[in-house]
Amino acid sequence: MRVGQRTTLGLHYDQLLQESNAQLEEHVAQRTAELETANRLKDEFLAMISHELRTPLTGVLSLSELLQEQVAGRREDRGWGT
Protein backbone atom coordinates (compact mmCIF):
# COMPACT_ATOMS: atom_id res chain seq x y z
CA MET A 1 0.00 0.00 0.00
CA ARG A 2 1.39 3.37 -0.95
CA VAL A 3 1.52 6.44 1.26
CA GLY A 4 -1.11 8.23 -0.83
CA GLN A 5 -3.49 5.30 -0.43
CA ARG A 6 -3.02 5.30 3.34
CA THR A 7 -3.73 9.01 3.50
CA THR A 8 -6.86 8.56 1.40
CA LEU A 9 -8.01 5.68 3.61
CA GLY A 10 -7.26 7.69 6.72
CA LEU A 11 -9.34 10.61 5.42
CA HIS A 12 -12.15 8.22 4.52
CA TYR A 13 -12.15 6.68 8.00
CA ASP A 14 -12.03 10.14 9.60
CA GLN A 15 -15.05 11.17 7.56
CA LEU A 16 -16.90 7.97 8.55
CA LEU A 17 -16.03 8.57 12.18
CA GLN A 18 -17.29 12.16 12.04
CA GLU A 19 -20.54 11.05 10.41
CA SER A 20 -20.98 8.31 12.99
CA ASN A 21 -20.35 10.78 15.84
CA ALA A 22 -22.84 13.25 14.35
CA GLN A 23 -25.48 10.50 14.15
CA LEU A 24 -24.80 9.46 17.74
CA GLU A 25 -25.02 13.05 18.97
CA GLU A 26 -28.33 13.48 17.16
CA HIS A 27 -29.63 10.23 18.66
CA VAL A 28 -28.54 11.30 22.15
CA ALA A 29 -30.20 14.70 21.75
CA GLN A 30 -33.43 13.08 20.55
CA ARG A 31 -33.42 10.54 23.37
CA THR A 32 -32.68 13.26 25.94
CA ALA A 33 -35.68 15.26 24.72
CA GLU A 34 -37.87 12.15 24.96
CA LEU A 35 -36.67 11.44 28.49
CA GLU A 36 -37.24 15.04 29.57
CA THR A 37 -40.80 14.85 28.25
CA ALA A 38 -41.39 11.53 30.02
CA ASN A 39 -39.99 12.93 33.26
CA ARG A 40 -42.23 16.02 33.04
CA LEU A 41 -45.30 13.85 32.41
CA LYS A 42 -44.35 11.61 35.35
CA ASP A 43 -44.03 14.65 37.63
CA GLU A 44 -47.41 15.98 36.50
CA PHE A 45 -49.02 12.57 37.04
CA LEU A 46 -47.57 12.17 40.53
CA ALA A 47 -48.64 15.69 41.50
CA MET A 48 -52.18 14.98 40.32
CA ILE A 49 -52.37 11.59 42.07
CA SER A 50 -50.93 13.08 45.25
CA HIS A 51 -53.60 15.78 45.25
CA GLU A 52 -56.36 13.28 44.46
CA LEU A 53 -55.28 11.06 47.36
CA ARG A 54 -54.60 13.86 49.81
CA THR A 55 -57.97 15.57 49.38
CA PRO A 56 -60.15 12.72 50.69
CA LEU A 57 -57.53 11.64 53.23
CA THR A 58 -57.61 15.09 54.83
CA GLY A 59 -61.28 14.56 55.65
CA VAL A 60 -60.62 11.07 56.99
CA LEU A 61 -57.77 12.32 59.17
CA SER A 62 -59.89 15.19 60.51
CA LEU A 63 -62.73 12.83 61.36
CA SER A 64 -60.30 10.41 63.03
CA GLU A 65 -58.86 13.19 65.18
CA LEU A 66 -62.35 14.30 66.16
CA LEU A 67 -63.29 10.75 67.16
CA GLN A 68 -60.08 10.41 69.19
CA GLU A 69 -60.84 13.66 71.02
CA GLN A 70 -64.38 12.52 71.76
CA VAL A 71 -63.18 9.16 73.09
CA ALA A 72 -60.48 10.85 75.19
CA GLY A 73 -63.07 13.32 76.50
CA ARG A 74 -65.39 10.49 77.54
CA ARG A 75 -62.56 8.74 79.35
CA GLU A 76 -61.72 11.89 81.27
CA ASP A 77 -65.41 12.44 82.11
CA ARG A 78 -65.54 8.96 83.57
CA GLY A 79 -62.25 9.38 85.41
CA TRP A 80 -60.42 6.76 83.36
CA GLY A 81 -57.64 9.10 82.18
CA THR A 82 -56.00 8.80 78.78
C-alpha atoms as a PDB file:
ATOM      1  CA  MET A   1       0.000   0.000   0.000  1.00  0.00           C
ATOM      2  CA  ARG A   2       1.388   3.368  -0.953  1.00  0.00           C
ATOM      3  CA  VAL A   3       1.517   6.442   1.258  1.00  0.00           C
ATOM      4  CA  GLY A   4      -1.107   8.229  -0.832  1.00  0.00           C
ATOM      5  CA  GLN A   5      -3.490   5.301  -0.434  1.00  0.00           C
ATOM      6  CA  ARG A   6      -3.021   5.298   3.339  1.00  0.00           C
ATOM      7  CA  THR A   7      -3.729   9.012   3.496  1.00  0.00           C
ATOM      8  CA  THR A   8      -6.863   8.564   1.399  1.00  0.00           C
ATOM      9  CA  LEU A   9      -8.008   5.682   3.611  1.00  0.00           C
ATOM     10  CA  GLY A  10      -7.259   7.690   6.718  1.00  0.00           C
ATOM     11  CA  LEU A  11      -9.337  10.607   5.422  1.00  0.00           C
ATOM     12  CA  HIS A  12     -12.145   8.220   4.515  1.00  0.00           C
ATOM     13  CA  TYR A  13     -12.146   6.678   7.999  1.00  0.00           C
ATOM     14  CA  ASP A  14     -12.029  10.137   9.599  1.00  0.00           C
ATOM     15  CA  GLN A  15     -15.050  11.166   7.557  1.00  0.00           C
ATOM     16  CA  LEU A  16     -16.899   7.966   8.546  1.00  0.00           C
ATOM     17  CA  LEU A  17     -16.034   8.566  12.183  1.00  0.00           C
ATOM     18  CA  GLN A  18     -17.288  12.155  12.042  1.00  0.00           C
ATOM     19  CA  GLU A  19     -20.541  11.053  10.409  1.00  0.00           C
ATOM     20  CA  SER A  20     -20.978   8.313  12.992  1.00  0.00           C
ATOM     21  CA  ASN A  21     -20.347  10.781  15.836  1.00  0.00           C
ATOM     22  CA  ALA A  22     -22.839  13.245  14.353  1.00  0.00           C
ATOM     23  CA  GLN A  23     -25.476  10.503  14.147  1.00  0.00           C
ATOM     24  CA  LEU A  24     -24.797   9.461  17.741  1.00  0.00           C
ATOM     25  CA  GLU A  25     -25.018  13.048  18.967  1.00  0.00           C
ATOM     26  CA  GLU A  26     -28.330  13.478  17.155  1.00  0.00           C
ATOM     27  CA  HIS A  27     -29.629  10.235  18.660  1.00  0.00           C
ATOM     28  CA  VAL A  28     -28.537  11.301  22.154  1.00  0.00           C
ATOM     29  CA  ALA A  29     -30.200  14.704  21.752  1.00  0.00           C
ATOM     30  CA  GLN A  30     -33.433  13.085  20.555  1.00  0.00           C
ATOM     31  CA  ARG A  31     -33.417  10.539  23.373  1.00  0.00           C
ATOM     32  CA  THR A  32     -32.675  13.260  25.936  1.00  0.00           C
ATOM     33  CA  ALA A  33     -35.677  15.256  24.717  1.00  0.00           C
ATOM     34  CA  GLU A  34     -37.870  12.148  24.956  1.00  0.00           C
ATOM     35  CA  LEU A  35     -36.672  11.438  28.493  1.00  0.00           C
ATOM     36  CA  GLU A  36     -37.244  15.040  29.571  1.00  0.00           C
ATOM     37  CA  THR A  37     -40.803  14.846  28.252  1.00  0.00           C
ATOM     38  CA  ALA A  38     -41.393  11.529  30.015  1.00  0.00           C
ATOM     39  CA  ASN A  39     -39.989  12.931  33.256  1.00  0.00           C
ATOM     40  CA  ARG A  40     -42.230  16.021  33.040  1.00  0.00           C
ATOM     41  CA  LEU A  41     -45.296  13.847  32.409  1.00  0.00           C
ATOM     42  CA  LYS A  42     -44.354  11.612  35.351  1.00  0.00           C
ATOM     43  CA  ASP A  43     -44.030  14.647  37.634  1.00  0.00           C
ATOM     44  CA  GLU A  44     -47.412  15.979  36.502  1.00  0.00           C
ATOM     45  CA  PHE A  45     -49.025  12.571  37.041  1.00  0.00           C
ATOM     46  CA  LEU A  46     -47.568  12.174  40.533  1.00  0.00           C
ATOM     47  CA  ALA A  47     -48.643  15.689  41.504  1.00  0.00           C
ATOM     48  CA  MET A  48     -52.181  14.979  40.317  1.00  0.00           C
ATOM     49  CA  ILE A  49     -52.369  11.591  42.072  1.00  0.00           C
ATOM     50  CA  SER A  50     -50.931  13.081  45.254  1.00  0.00           C
ATOM     51  CA  HIS A  51     -53.595  15.779  45.250  1.00  0.00           C
ATOM     52  CA  GLU A  52     -56.363  13.277  44.461  1.00  0.00           C
ATOM     53  CA  LEU A  53     -55.282  11.064  47.364  1.00  0.00           C
ATOM     54  CA  ARG A  54     -54.597  13.865  49.811  1.00  0.00           C
ATOM     55  CA  THR A  55     -57.967  15.565  49.382  1.00  0.00           C
ATOM     56  CA  PRO A  56     -60.150  12.717  50.690  1.00  0.00           C
ATOM     57  CA  LEU A  57     -57.534  11.643  53.229  1.00  0.00           C
ATOM     58  CA  THR A  58     -57.607  15.090  54.833  1.00  0.00           C
ATOM     59  CA  GLY A  59     -61.280  14.558  55.654  1.00  0.00           C
ATOM     60  CA  VAL A  60     -60.622  11.069  56.988  1.00  0.00           C
ATOM     61  CA  LEU A  61     -57.773  12.322  59.174  1.00  0.00           C
ATOM     62  CA  SER A  62     -59.886  15.185  60.508  1.00  0.00           C
ATOM     63  CA  LEU A  63     -62.731  12.833  61.359  1.00  0.00           C
ATOM     64  CA  SER A  64     -60.295  10.406  63.029  1.00  0.00           C
ATOM     65  CA  GLU A  65     -58.863  13.192  65.178  1.00  0.00           C
ATOM     66  CA  LEU A  66     -62.352  14.304  66.163  1.00  0.00           C
ATOM     67  CA  LEU A  67     -63.294  10.750  67.160  1.00  0.00           C
ATOM     68  CA  GLN A  68     -60.085  10.414  69.191  1.00  0.00           C
ATOM     69  CA  GLU A  69     -60.837  13.661  71.020  1.00  0.00           C
ATOM     70  CA  GLN A  70     -64.380  12.522  71.763  1.00  0.00           C
ATOM     71  CA  VAL A  71     -63.182   9.158  73.093  1.00  0.00           C
ATOM     72  CA  ALA A  72     -60.484  10.845  75.193  1.00  0.00           C
ATOM     73  CA  GLY A  73     -63.066  13.321  76.501  1.00  0.00           C
ATOM     74  CA  ARG A  74     -65.387  10.495  77.540  1.00  0.00           C
ATOM     75  CA  ARG A  75     -62.556   8.740  79.354  1.00  0.00           C
ATOM     76  CA  GLU A  76     -61.715  11.895  81.272  1.00  0.00           C
ATOM     77  CA  ASP A  77     -65.411  12.442  82.110  1.00  0.00           C
ATOM     78  CA  ARG A  78     -65.545   8.958  83.569  1.00  0.00           C
ATOM     79  CA  GLY A  79     -62.251   9.382  85.411  1.00  0.00           C
ATOM     80  CA  TRP A  80     -60.416   6.764  83.360  1.00  0.00           C
ATOM     81  CA  GLY A  81     -57.644   9.098  82.175  1.00  0.00           C
ATOM     82  CA  THR A  82     -56.001   8.805  78.783  1.00  0.00           C
END
